[in-house]
Every structure is written in C-alpha cells, then in structure tokens.
Amino acid sequence: MAKSNEPLVWAPFFAGAGFSAVFMPVLIIIMLFASYGGPASLDLRDLVNHWYVRVALFILISLSLFHALHRIRFILVDLGLKAVHGLIAVLCYSLAVIGTLVALLIAAGI
C-alpha cells in the first residue's frame, strides 16, 4: 500500500470547517456590537489588543484559509483542470501558508 500525504491536507480542512462553523457566528456578533457602539465598555480596538483575542483570530483566519483553499483546489480540478492538479495544489496551499504567515505577523504586531 502506498503512503499518502492526504491526511496532512485533510486535517486543516476539517479543523477549519469545524472551527469556523462554531466561532465565526460568535465573532460576527461580537464585532457587530463592538463596531456599532454596543455596550460602552466594548470597543473594537480594545478588544483586538488582547493577546488571547489575537491568538483566536489567528487560528480562525489560518484554518479558514486552509479550508477555503482546499475547497477551491478540488472545485478547480472538478471543473476540468485535472491536467494541472499538482500546480493547483501547490498554488492553493502556498496561498494558505502565505496568508497564515501574514496573519501571524499581524497578530504578533510586527
């Protein structure tokens, strides 16, 4: 039986799907209240300045990127680009890694 690296790309896909499904609605509601002047103690800038909020946003963004680009990869292959599926995989996962690194730099405050 040949060894495959498929679990390495399916794991972030499923993690992104689960994490996004649970935390994205919560994040949207919190950001809505913080940006439109909900409670006086809730300010968007103050909220994002906490390190644990930055970590949570980084995790949410990076897993969502892997989830979305994994879907895009298979959509493009299903649309008839099977001849270049290797190039599509490299481009999609490279974009996900670059987006994750950008999110890391922004979360770290660099």
PDB file of N, CA and C in Angstrom:
ATOM      1  N   MET A   1       0.838  -1.173   0.000  1.00  0.00           N
ATOM      2  CA  MET A   1       0.000   0.000   0.000  1.00  0.00           C
ATOM      3  C   MET A   1       0.890   1.246   0.000  1.00  0.00           C
ATOM      4  N   ALA A   2       0.580   2.170  -0.877  1.00  0.00           N
ATOM      5  CA  ALA A   2       1.370   3.384  -1.000  1.00  0.00           C
ATOM      6  C   ALA A   2       1.013   4.362   0.122  1.00  0.00           C
ATOM      7  N   LYS A   3       2.044   5.027   0.612  1.00  0.00           N
ATOM      8  CA  LYS A   3       1.812   6.031   1.646  1.00  0.00           C
ATOM      9  C   LYS A   3       1.348   7.324   0.994  1.00  0.00           C
ATOM     10  N   SER A   4       0.446   8.003   1.670  1.00  0.00           N
ATOM     11  CA  SER A   4      -0.134   9.224   1.125  1.00  0.00           C
ATOM     12  C   SER A   4       0.020  10.356   2.121  1.00  0.00           C
ATOM     13  N   ASN A   5       0.098  11.559   1.585  1.00  0.00           N
ATOM     14  CA  ASN A   5       0.142  12.741   2.454  1.00  0.00           C
ATOM     15  C   ASN A   5      -1.229  13.406   2.556  1.00  0.00           C
ATOM     16  N   GLU A   6      -2.262  12.723   2.111  1.00  0.00           N
ATOM     17  CA  GLU A   6      -3.615  13.275   2.155  1.00  0.00           C
ATOM     18  C   GLU A   6      -4.078  13.649   3.572  1.00  0.00           C
ATOM     19  N   PRO A   7      -3.770  12.864   4.615  1.00  0.00           N
ATOM     20  CA  PRO A   7      -4.205  13.303   5.952  1.00  0.00           C
ATOM     21  C   PRO A   7      -3.626  14.649   6.365  1.00  0.00           C
ATOM     22  N   LEU A   8      -2.459  15.002   5.826  1.00  0.00           N
ATOM     23  CA  LEU A   8      -1.859  16.289   6.174  1.00  0.00           C
ATOM     24  C   LEU A   8      -2.635  17.464   5.593  1.00  0.00           C
ATOM     25  N   VAL A   9      -3.318  17.250   4.480  1.00  0.00           N
ATOM     26  CA  VAL A   9      -4.099  18.342   3.910  1.00  0.00           C
ATOM     27  C   VAL A   9      -5.569  18.268   4.309  1.00  0.00           C
ATOM     28  N   TRP A  10      -6.066  17.100   4.663  1.00  0.00           N
ATOM     29  CA  TRP A  10      -7.459  16.979   5.086  1.00  0.00           C
ATOM     30  C   TRP A  10      -7.651  17.427   6.530  1.00  0.00           C
ATOM     31  N   ALA A  11      -6.632  17.294   7.361  1.00  0.00           N
ATOM     32  CA  ALA A  11      -6.760  17.684   8.771  1.00  0.00           C
ATOM     33  C   ALA A  11      -7.035  19.184   8.928  1.00  0.00           C
ATOM     34  N   PRO A  12      -6.240  20.079   8.280  1.00  0.00           N
ATOM     35  CA  PRO A  12      -6.582  21.505   8.397  1.00  0.00           C
ATOM     36  C   PRO A  12      -7.922  21.847   7.754  1.00  0.00           C
ATOM     37  N   PHE A  13      -8.307  21.104   6.717  1.00  0.00           N
ATOM     38  CA  PHE A  13      -9.599  21.333   6.071  1.00  0.00           C
ATOM     39  C   PHE A  13     -10.739  21.087   7.055  1.00  0.00           C
ATOM     40  N   PHE A  14     -10.724  19.946   7.718  1.00  0.00           N
ATOM     41  CA  PHE A  14     -11.787  19.643   8.679  1.00  0.00           C
ATOM     42  C   PHE A  14     -11.711  20.529   9.917  1.00  0.00           C
ATOM     43  N   ALA A  15     -10.501  20.836  10.361  1.00  0.00           N
ATOM     44  CA  ALA A  15     -10.361  21.734  11.514  1.00  0.00           C
ATOM     45  C   ALA A  15     -10.893  23.123  11.172  1.00  0.00           C
ATOM     46  N   GLY A  16     -10.597  23.595   9.974  1.00  0.00           N
ATOM     47  CA  GLY A  16     -11.106  24.898   9.546  1.00  0.00           C
ATOM     48  C   GLY A  16     -12.618  24.920   9.446  1.00  0.00           C
ATOM     49  N   ALA A  17     -13.190  23.826   8.950  1.00  0.00           N
ATOM     50  CA  ALA A  17     -14.647  23.760   8.827  1.00  0.00           C
ATOM     51  C   ALA A  17     -15.308  23.785  10.199  1.00  0.00           C
ATOM     52  N   GLY A  18     -14.809  22.986  11.102  1.00  0.00           N
ATOM     53  CA  GLY A  18     -15.405  22.914  12.436  1.00  0.00           C
ATOM     54  C   GLY A  18     -15.217  24.194  13.232  1.00  0.00           C
ATOM     55  N   PHE A  19     -14.002  24.703  13.225  1.00  0.00           N
ATOM     56  CA  PHE A  19     -13.697  25.906  13.992  1.00  0.00           C
ATOM     57  C   PHE A  19     -14.460  27.100  13.445  1.00  0.00           C
ATOM     58  N   SER A  20     -14.532  27.213  12.120  1.00  0.00           N
ATOM     59  CA  SER A  20     -15.263  28.331  11.514  1.00  0.00           C
ATOM     60  C   SER A  20     -16.756  28.237  11.787  1.00  0.00           C
ATOM     61  N   ALA A  21     -17.291  27.045  11.730  1.00  0.00           N
ATOM     62  CA  ALA A  21     -18.730  26.876  11.949  1.00  0.00           C
ATOM     63  C   ALA A  21     -19.134  27.226  13.372  1.00  0.00           C
ATOM     64  N   VAL A  22     -18.256  26.975  14.317  1.00  0.00           N
ATOM     65  CA  VAL A  22     -18.580  27.245  15.715  1.00  0.00           C
ATOM     66  C   VAL A  22     -18.302  28.701  16.092  1.00  0.00           C
ATOM     67  N   PHE A  23     -17.145  29.212  15.685  1.00  0.00           N
ATOM     68  CA  PHE A  23     -16.709  30.509  16.198  1.00  0.00           C
ATOM     69  C   PHE A  23     -16.973  31.696  15.281  1.00  0.00           C
ATOM     70  N   MET A  24     -17.209  31.491  14.007  1.00  0.00           N
ATOM     71  CA  MET A  24     -17.441  32.620  13.114  1.00  0.00           C
ATOM     72  C   MET A  24     -18.731  33.373  13.459  1.00  0.00           C
ATOM     73  N   PRO A  25     -19.856  32.708  13.739  1.00  0.00           N
ATOM     74  CA  PRO A  25     -21.050  33.482  14.133  1.00  0.00           C
ATOM     75  C   PRO A  25     -20.841  34.272  15.426  1.00  0.00           C
ATOM     76  N   VAL A  26     -20.128  33.692  16.365  1.00  0.00           N
ATOM     77  CA  VAL A  26     -19.842  34.393  17.621  1.00  0.00           C
ATOM     78  C   VAL A  26     -18.979  35.618  17.348  1.00  0.00           C
ATOM     79  N   LEU A  27     -17.969  35.449  16.508  1.00  0.00           N
ATOM     80  CA  LEU A  27     -17.079  36.553  16.173  1.00  0.00           C
ATOM     81  C   LEU A  27     -17.834  37.665  15.444  1.00  0.00           C
ATOM     82  N   ILE A  28     -18.725  37.298  14.552  1.00  0.00           N
ATOM     83  CA  ILE A  28     -19.508  38.297  13.820  1.00  0.00           C
ATOM     84  C   ILE A  28     -20.377  39.114  14.780  1.00  0.00           C
ATOM     85  N   ILE A  29     -21.019  38.456  15.717  1.00  0.00           N
ATOM     86  CA  ILE A  29     -21.875  39.166  16.673  1.00  0.00           C
ATOM     87  C   ILE A  29     -21.050  40.075  17.575  1.00  0.00           C
ATOM     88  N   ILE A  30     -19.909  39.590  18.059  1.00  0.00           N
ATOM     89  CA  ILE A  30     -19.052  40.413  18.919  1.00  0.00           C
ATOM     90  C   ILE A  30     -18.540  41.628  18.153  1.00  0.00           C
ATOM     91  N   MET A  31     -18.079  41.416  16.922  1.00  0.00           N
ATOM     92  CA  MET A  31     -17.571  42.534  16.123  1.00  0.00           C
ATOM     93  C   MET A  31     -18.689  43.519  15.766  1.00  0.00           C
ATOM     94  N   LEU A  32     -19.892  43.017  15.557  1.00  0.00           N
ATOM     95  CA  LEU A  32     -21.021  43.890  15.269  1.00  0.00           C
ATOM     96  C   LEU A  32     -21.308  44.814  16.449  1.00  0.00           C
ATOM     97  N   PHE A  33     -21.357  44.245  17.651  1.00  0.00           N
ATOM     98  CA  PHE A  33     -21.593  45.068  18.832  1.00  0.00           C
ATOM     99  C   PHE A  33     -20.440  46.022  19.089  1.00  0.00           C
ATOM    100  N   ALA A  34     -19.217  45.560  18.881  1.00  0.00           N
ATOM    101  CA  ALA A  34     -18.057  46.397  19.165  1.00  0.00           C
ATOM    102  C   ALA A  34     -17.910  47.528  18.157  1.00  0.00           C
ATOM    103  N   SER A  35     -18.296  47.311  16.914  1.00  0.00           N
ATOM    104  CA  SER A  35     -18.096  48.349  15.907  1.00  0.00           C
ATOM    105  C   SER A  35     -19.252  49.341  15.830  1.00  0.00           C
ATOM    106  N   TYR A  36     -20.452  48.959  16.251  1.00  0.00           N
ATOM    107  CA  TYR A  36     -21.590  49.864  16.176  1.00  0.00           C
ATOM    108  C   TYR A  36     -21.999  50.419  17.529  1.00  0.00           C
ATOM    109  N   GLY A  37     -21.065  50.451  18.452  1.00  0.00           N
ATOM    110  CA  GLY A  37     -21.323  51.109  19.722  1.00  0.00           C
ATOM    111  C   GLY A  37     -22.325  50.390  20.588  1.00  0.00           C
ATOM    112  N   GLY A  38     -22.087  49.111  20.823  1.00  0.00           N
ATOM    113  CA  GLY A  38     -22.938  48.342  21.717  1.00  0.00           C
ATOM    114  C   GLY A  38     -22.748  48.836  23.139  1.00  0.00           C
ATOM    115  N   PRO A  39     -22.434  47.958  24.048  1.00  0.00           N
ATOM    116  CA  PRO A  39     -22.162  48.392  25.417  1.00  0.00           C
ATOM    117  C   PRO A  39     -20.973  49.356  25.459  1.00  0.00           C
ATOM    118  N   ALA A  40     -21.016  50.288  26.361  1.00  0.00           N
ATOM    119  CA  ALA A  40     -19.966  51.313  26.428  1.00  0.00           C
ATOM    120  C   ALA A  40     -18.598  50.721  26.729  1.00  0.00           C
ATOM    121  N   SER A  41     -18.551  49.580  27.394  1.00  0.00           N
ATOM    122  CA  SER A  41     -17.262  49.000  27.750  1.00  0.00           C
ATOM    123  C   SER A  41     -16.658  48.169  26.626  1.00  0.00           C
ATOM    124  N   LEU A  42     -17.381  47.993  25.527  1.00  0.00           N
ATOM    125  CA  LEU A  42     -16.915  47.145  24.441  1.00  0.00           C
ATOM    126  C   LEU A  42     -16.479  48.016  23.265  1.00  0.00           C
ATOM    127  N   ASP A  43     -15.176  48.119  23.060  1.00  0.00           N
ATOM    128  CA  ASP A  43     -14.618  48.885  21.958  1.00  0.00           C
ATOM    129  C   ASP A  43     -13.805  47.926  21.094  1.00  0.00           C
ATOM    130  N   LEU A  44     -13.916  48.056  19.786  1.00  0.00           N
ATOM    131  CA  LEU A  44     -13.256  47.125  18.876  1.00  0.00           C
ATOM    132  C   LEU A  44     -11.743  47.154  19.020  1.00  0.00           C
ATOM    133  N   ARG A  45     -11.161  48.338  19.153  1.00  0.00           N
ATOM    134  CA  ARG A  45      -9.715  48.444  19.294  1.00  0.00           C
ATOM    135  C   ARG A  45      -9.227  47.813  20.600  1.00  0.00           C
ATOM    136  N   ASP A  46      -9.958  48.048  21.673  1.00  0.00           N
ATOM    137  CA  ASP A  46      -9.584  47.453  22.958  1.00  0.00           C
ATOM    138  C   ASP A  46      -9.728  45.936  22.921  1.00  0.00           C
ATOM    139  N   LEU A  47     -10.717  45.470  22.206  1.00  0.00           N
ATOM    140  CA  LEU A  47     -10.947  44.028  22.110  1.00  0.00           C
ATOM    141  C   LEU A  47      -9.812  43.335  21.371  1.00  0.00           C
ATOM    142  N   VAL A  48      -9.371  43.904  20.269  1.00  0.00           N
ATOM    143  CA  VAL A  48      -8.333  43.266  19.448  1.00  0.00           C
ATOM    144  C   VAL A  48      -6.947  43.419  20.073  1.00  0.00           C
ATOM    145  N   ASN A  49      -6.770  44.322  21.013  1.00  0.00           N
ATOM    146  CA  ASN A  49      -5.463  44.498  21.646  1.00  0.00           C
ATOM    147  C   ASN A  49      -5.109  43.396  22.640  1.00  0.00           C
ATOM    148  N   HIS A  50      -6.062  42.583  23.051  1.00  0.00           N
ATOM    149  CA  HIS A  50      -5.767  41.491  23.977  1.00  0.00           C
ATOM    150  C   HIS A  50      -5.087  40.354  23.225  1.00  0.00           C
ATOM    151  N   TRP A  51      -4.083  39.769  23.854  1.00  0.00           N
ATOM    152  CA  TRP A  51      -3.293  38.735  23.172  1.00  0.00           C
ATOM    153  C   TRP A  51      -4.121  37.494  22.871  1.00  0.00           C
ATOM    154  N   TYR A  52      -5.043  37.130  23.740  1.00  0.00           N
ATOM    155  CA  TYR A  52      -5.824  35.918  23.502  1.00  0.00           C
ATOM    156  C   TYR A  52      -6.825  36.105  22.366  1.00  0.00           C
ATOM    157  N   VAL A  53      -7.296  37.329  22.149  1.00  0.00           N
ATOM    158  CA  VAL A  53      -8.173  37.603  21.011  1.00  0.00           C
ATOM    159  C   VAL A  53      -7.370  37.516  19.719  1.00  0.00           C
ATOM    160  N   ARG A  54      -6.140  38.016  19.748  1.00  0.00           N
ATOM    161  CA  ARG A  54      -5.276  37.916  18.569  1.00  0.00           C
ATOM    162  C   ARG A  54      -4.950  36.464  18.238  1.00  0.00           C
ATOM    163  N   VAL A  55      -4.716  35.649  19.244  1.00  0.00           N
ATOM    164  CA  VAL A  55      -4.442  34.230  19.008  1.00  0.00           C
ATOM    165  C   VAL A  55      -5.673  33.547  18.416  1.00  0.00           C
ATOM    166  N   ALA A  56      -6.830  33.844  18.974  1.00  0.00           N
ATOM    167  CA  ALA A  56      -8.064  33.243  18.458  1.00  0.00           C
ATOM    168  C   ALA A  56      -8.335  33.680  17.025  1.00  0.00           C
ATOM    169  N   LEU A  57      -8.121  34.959  16.723  1.00  0.00           N
ATOM    170  CA  LEU A  57      -8.308  35.436  15.354  1.00  0.00           C
ATOM    171  C   LEU A  57      -7.303  34.802  14.401  1.00  0.00           C
ATOM    172  N   PHE A  58      -6.060  34.639  14.846  1.00  0.00           N
ATOM    173  CA  PHE A  58      -5.052  33.989  14.010  1.00  0.00           C
ATOM    174  C   PHE A  58      -5.451  32.556  13.688  1.00  0.00           C
ATOM    175  N   ILE A  59      -5.886  31.830  14.698  1.00  0.00           N
ATOM    176  CA  ILE A  59      -6.296  30.440  14.472  1.00  0.00           C
ATOM    177  C   ILE A  59      -7.498  30.384  13.537  1.00  0.00           C
ATOM    178  N   LEU A  60      -8.459  31.252  13.758  1.00  0.00           N
ATOM    179  CA  LEU A  60      -9.653  31.271  12.912  1.00  0.00           C
ATOM    180  C   LEU A  60      -9.310  31.616  11.468  1.00  0.00           C
ATOM    181  N   ILE A  61      -8.472  32.606  11.270  1.00  0.00           N
ATOM    182  CA  ILE A  61      -8.105  33.015   9.917  1.00  0.00           C
ATOM    183  C   ILE A  61      -7.292  31.948   9.221  1.00  0.00           C
ATOM    184  N   SER A  62      -6.299  31.385   9.903  1.00  0.00           N
ATOM    185  CA  SER A  62      -5.443  30.400   9.241  1.00  0.00           C
ATOM    186  C   SER A  62      -6.199  29.117   8.898  1.00  0.00           C
ATOM    187  N   LEU A  63      -7.015  28.619   9.807  1.00  0.00           N
ATOM    188  CA  LEU A  63      -7.773  27.400   9.499  1.00  0.00           C
ATOM    189  C   LEU A  63      -8.837  27.653   8.435  1.00  0.00           C
ATOM    190  N   SER A  64      -9.428  28.837   8.451  1.00  0.00           N
ATOM    191  CA  SER A  64     -10.402  29.170   7.408  1.00  0.00           C
ATOM    192  C   SER A  64      -9.741  29.277   6.037  1.00  0.00           C
ATOM    193  N   LEU A  65      -8.522  29.810   5.997  1.00  0.00           N
ATOM    194  CA  LEU A  65      -7.786  29.866   4.736  1.00  0.00           C
ATOM    195  C   LEU A  65      -7.521  28.473   4.181  1.00  0.00           C
ATOM    196  N   PHE A  66      -7.043  27.573   5.031  1.00  0.00           N
ATOM    197  CA  PHE A  66      -6.777  26.208   4.571  1.00  0.00           C
ATOM    198  C   PHE A  66      -8.068  25.532   4.115  1.00  0.00           C
ATOM    199  N   HIS A  67      -9.150  25.759   4.839  1.00  0.00           N
ATOM    200  CA  HIS A  67     -10.426  25.167   4.463  1.00  0.00           C
ATOM    201  C   HIS A  67     -10.888  25.688   3.099  1.00  0.00           C
ATOM    202  N   ALA A  68     -10.862  26.995   2.926  1.00  0.00           N
ATOM    203  CA  ALA A  68     -11.355  27.593   1.686  1.00  0.00           C
ATOM    204  C   ALA A  68     -10.494  27.210   0.488  1.00  0.00           C
ATOM    205  N   LEU A  69      -9.188  27.261   0.640  1.00  0.00           N
ATOM    206  CA  LEU A  69      -8.322  26.964  -0.495  1.00  0.00           C
ATOM    207  C   LEU A  69      -8.290  25.476  -0.823  1.00  0.00           C
ATOM    208  N   HIS A  70      -8.541  24.619   0.150  1.00  0.00           N
ATOM    209  CA  HIS A  70      -8.676  23.192  -0.130  1.00  0.00           C
ATOM    210  C   HIS A  70      -9.929  22.949  -0.972  1.00  0.00           C
ATOM    211  N   ARG A  71     -11.016  23.640  -0.642  1.00  0.00           N
ATOM    212  CA  ARG A  71     -12.248  23.536  -1.440  1.00  0.00           C
ATOM    213  C   ARG A  71     -12.033  24.073  -2.847  1.00  0.00           C
ATOM    214  N   ILE A  72     -11.369  25.215  -2.953  1.00  0.00           N
ATOM    215  CA  ILE A  72     -11.102  25.806  -4.260  1.00  0.00           C
ATOM    216  C   ILE A  72     -10.260  24.867  -5.111  1.00  0.00           C
ATOM    217  N   ARG A  73      -9.298  24.216  -4.494  1.00  0.00           N
ATOM    218  CA  ARG A  73      -8.461  23.257  -5.226  1.00  0.00           C
ATOM    219  C   ARG A  73      -9.313  22.171  -5.871  1.00  0.00           C
ATOM    220  N   PHE A  74     -10.191  21.565  -5.105  1.00  0.00           N
ATOM    221  CA  PHE A  74     -10.988  20.473  -5.649  1.00  0.00           C
ATOM    222  C   PHE A  74     -12.075  20.969  -6.594  1.00  0.00           C
ATOM    223  N   ILE A  75     -12.550  22.187  -6.419  1.00  0.00           N
ATOM    224  CA  ILE A  75     -13.505  22.751  -7.375  1.00  0.00           C
ATOM    225  C   ILE A  75     -12.836  22.948  -8.726  1.00  0.00           C
ATOM    226  N   LEU A  76     -11.615  23.500  -8.720  1.00  0.00           N
ATOM    227  CA  LEU A  76     -10.901  23.704  -9.978  1.00  0.00           C
ATOM    228  C   LEU A  76     -10.588  22.387 -10.683  1.00  0.00           C
ATOM    229  N   VAL A  77     -10.221  21.372  -9.911  1.00  0.00           N
ATOM    230  CA  VAL A  77      -9.955  20.063 -10.509  1.00  0.00           C
ATOM    231  C   VAL A  77     -11.236  19.473 -11.078  1.00  0.00           C
ATOM    232  N   ASP A  78     -12.345  19.623 -10.369  1.00  0.00           N
ATOM    233  CA  ASP A  78     -13.631  19.107 -10.856  1.00  0.00           C
ATOM    234  C   ASP A  78     -14.140  19.868 -12.077  1.00  0.00           C
ATOM    235  N   LEU A  79     -13.717  21.115 -12.241  1.00  0.00           N
ATOM    236  CA  LEU A  79     -14.134  21.893 -13.402  1.00  0.00           C
ATOM    237  C   LEU A  79     -13.367  21.509 -14.668  1.00  0.00           C
ATOM    238  N   GLY A  80     -12.411  20.607 -14.558  1.00  0.00           N
ATOM    239  CA  GLY A  80     -11.725  20.121 -15.750  1.00  0.00           C
ATOM    240  C   GLY A  80     -10.248  20.431 -15.804  1.00  0.00           C
ATOM    241  N   LEU A  81      -9.690  20.918 -14.760  1.00  0.00           N
ATOM    242  CA  LEU A  81      -8.257  21.229 -14.756  1.00  0.00           C
ATOM    243  C   LEU A  81      -7.437  20.096 -14.129  1.00  0.00           C
ATOM    244  N   LYS A  82      -7.808  18.860 -14.449  1.00  0.00           N
ATOM    245  CA  LYS A  82      -7.122  17.708 -13.866  1.00  0.00           C
ATOM    246  C   LYS A  82      -5.676  17.592 -14.338  1.00  0.00           C
ATOM    247  N   ALA A  83      -5.388  18.123 -15.503  1.00  0.00           N
ATOM    248  CA  ALA A  83      -4.033  18.015 -16.044  1.00  0.00           C
ATOM    249  C   ALA A  83      -3.026  18.811 -15.214  1.00  0.00           C
ATOM    250  N   VAL A  84      -3.488  19.851 -14.551  1.00  0.00           N
ATOM    251  CA  VAL A  84      -2.582  20.688 -13.753  1.00  0.00           C
ATOM    252  C   VAL A  84      -2.934  20.626 -12.269  1.00  0.00           C
ATOM    253  N   HIS A  85      -3.432  19.479 -11.811  1.00  0.00           N
ATOM    254  CA  HIS A  85      -3.851  19.379 -10.410  1.00  0.00           C
ATOM    255  C   HIS A  85      -2.685  19.554  -9.446  1.00  0.00           C
ATOM    256  N   GLY A  86      -1.495  19.173  -9.846  1.00  0.00           N
ATOM    257  CA  GLY A  86      -0.331  19.372  -8.983  1.00  0.00           C
ATOM    258  C   GLY A  86      -0.009  20.847  -8.806  1.00  0.00           C
ATOM    259  N   LEU A  87      -0.063  21.591  -9.896  1.00  0.00           N
ATOM    260  CA  LEU A  87       0.190  23.032  -9.838  1.00  0.00           C
ATOM    261  C   LEU A  87      -0.884  23.746  -9.029  1.00  0.00           C
ATOM    262  N   ILE A  88      -2.129  23.321  -9.221  1.00  0.00           N
ATOM    263  CA  ILE A  88      -3.228  23.909  -8.448  1.00  0.00           C
ATOM    264  C   ILE A  88      -3.032  23.656  -6.962  1.00  0.00           C
ATOM    265  N   ALA A  89      -2.621  22.446  -6.602  1.00  0.00           N
ATOM    266  CA  ALA A  89      -2.395  22.126  -5.187  1.00  0.00           C
ATOM    267  C   ALA A  89      -1.280  22.988  -4.605  1.00  0.00           C
ATOM    268  N   VAL A  90      -0.203  23.120  -5.349  1.00  0.00           N
ATOM    269  CA  VAL A  90       0.914  23.943  -4.863  1.00  0.00           C
ATOM    270  C   VAL A  90       0.481  25.394  -4.700  1.00  0.00           C
ATOM    271  N   LEU A  91      -0.242  25.925  -5.682  1.00  0.00           N
ATOM    272  CA  LEU A  91      -0.689  27.317  -5.592  1.00  0.00           C
ATOM    273  C   LEU A  91      -1.663  27.536  -4.437  1.00  0.00           C
ATOM    274  N   CYS A  92      -2.633  26.644  -4.287  1.00  0.00           N
ATOM    275  CA  CYS A  92      -3.628  26.815  -3.228  1.00  0.00           C
ATOM    276  C   CYS A  92      -3.002  26.721  -1.844  1.00  0.00           C
ATOM    277  N   TYR A  93      -2.197  25.699  -1.617  1.00  0.00           N
ATOM    278  CA  TYR A  93      -1.615  25.550  -0.288  1.00  0.00           C
ATOM    279  C   TYR A  93      -0.538  26.592  -0.017  1.00  0.00           C
ATOM    280  N   SER A  94       0.132  27.067  -1.074  1.00  0.00           N
ATOM    281  CA  SER A  94       1.092  28.158  -0.884  1.00  0.00           C
ATOM    282  C   SER A  94       0.376  29.436  -0.471  1.00  0.00           C
ATOM    283  N   LEU A  95      -0.762  29.702  -1.109  1.00  0.00           N
ATOM    284  CA  LEU A  95      -1.548  30.873  -0.710  1.00  0.00           C
ATOM    285  C   LEU A  95      -2.037  30.763   0.728  1.00  0.00           C
ATOM    286  N   ALA A  96      -2.432  29.559   1.129  1.00  0.00           N
ATOM    287  CA  ALA A  96      -2.883  29.366   2.510  1.00  0.00           C
ATOM    288  C   ALA A  96      -1.737  29.592   3.496  1.00  0.00           C
ATOM    289  N   VAL A  97      -0.548  29.104   3.153  1.00  0.00           N
ATOM    290  CA  VAL A  97       0.615  29.299   4.038  1.00  0.00           C
ATOM    291  C   VAL A  97       1.005  30.770   4.080  1.00  0.00           C
ATOM    292  N   ILE A  98       1.008  31.444   2.935  1.00  0.00           N
ATOM    293  CA  ILE A  98       1.347  32.875   2.904  1.00  0.00           C
ATOM    294  C   ILE A  98       0.324  33.679   3.703  1.00  0.00           C
ATOM    295  N   GLY A  99      -0.950  33.380   3.533  1.00  0.00           N
ATOM    296  CA  GLY A  99      -1.984  34.059   4.309  1.00  0.00           C
ATOM    297  C   GLY A  99      -1.849  33.815   5.799  1.00  0.00           C
ATOM    298  N   THR A 100      -1.457  32.595   6.169  1.00  0.00           N
ATOM    299  CA  THR A 100      -1.244  32.272   7.575  1.00  0.00           C
ATOM    300  C   THR A 100      -0.055  33.061   8.128  1.00  0.00           C
ATOM    301  N   LEU A 101       1.002  33.174   7.342  1.00  0.00           N
ATOM    302  CA  LEU A 101       2.167  33.945   7.798  1.00  0.00           C
ATOM    303  C   LEU A 101       1.835  35.429   7.927  1.00  0.00           C
ATOM    304  N   VAL A 102       1.047  35.956   7.020  1.00  0.00           N
ATOM    305  CA  VAL A 102       0.622  37.363   7.118  1.00  0.00           C
ATOM    306  C   VAL A 102      -0.237  37.559   8.364  1.00  0.00           C
ATOM    307  N   ALA A 103      -1.153  36.623   8.620  1.00  0.00           N
ATOM    308  CA  ALA A 103      -1.991  36.701   9.818  1.00  0.00           C
ATOM    309  C   ALA A 103      -1.143  36.612  11.073  1.00  0.00           C
ATOM    310  N   LEU A 104      -0.109  35.778  11.046  1.00  0.00           N
ATOM    311  CA  LEU A 104       0.794  35.660  12.193  1.00  0.00           C
ATOM    312  C   LEU A 104       1.544  36.964  12.442  1.00  0.00           C
ATOM    313  N   LEU A 105       2.029  37.573  11.364  1.00  0.00           N
ATOM    314  CA  LEU A 105       2.742  38.851  11.520  1.00  0.00           C
ATOM    315  C   LEU A 105       1.819  39.950  12.057  1.00  0.00           C
ATOM    316  N   ILE A 106       0.597  39.972  11.584  1.00  0.00           N
ATOM    317  CA  ILE A 106      -0.357  40.977  12.062  1.00  0.00           C
ATOM    318  C   ILE A 106      -0.737  40.690  13.514  1.00  0.00           C
ATOM    319  N   ALA A 107      -0.944  39.418  13.855  1.00  0.00           N
ATOM    320  CA  ALA A 107      -1.313  39.066  15.239  1.00  0.00           C
ATOM    321  C   ALA A 107      -0.169  39.340  16.204  1.00  0.00           C
ATOM    322  N   ALA A 108       1.063  39.180  15.718  1.00  0.00           N
ATOM    323  CA  ALA A 108       2.216  39.428  16.580  1.00  0.00           C
ATOM    324  C   ALA A 108       2.499  40.925  16.708  1.00  0.00           C
ATOM    325  N   GLY A 109       1.872  41.730  15.879  1.00  0.00           N
ATOM    326  CA  GLY A 109       2.054  43.176  15.961  1.00  0.00           C
ATOM    327  C   GLY A 109       3.308  43.661  15.292  1.00  0.00           C
ATOM    328  N   ILE A 110       3.805  42.906  14.363  1.00  0.00           N
ATOM    329  CA  ILE A 110       5.058  43.289  13.670  1.00  0.00           C
ATOM    330  C   ILE A 110       4.742  44.180  12.489  1.00  0.00           C
TER     331      ILE A 110
END
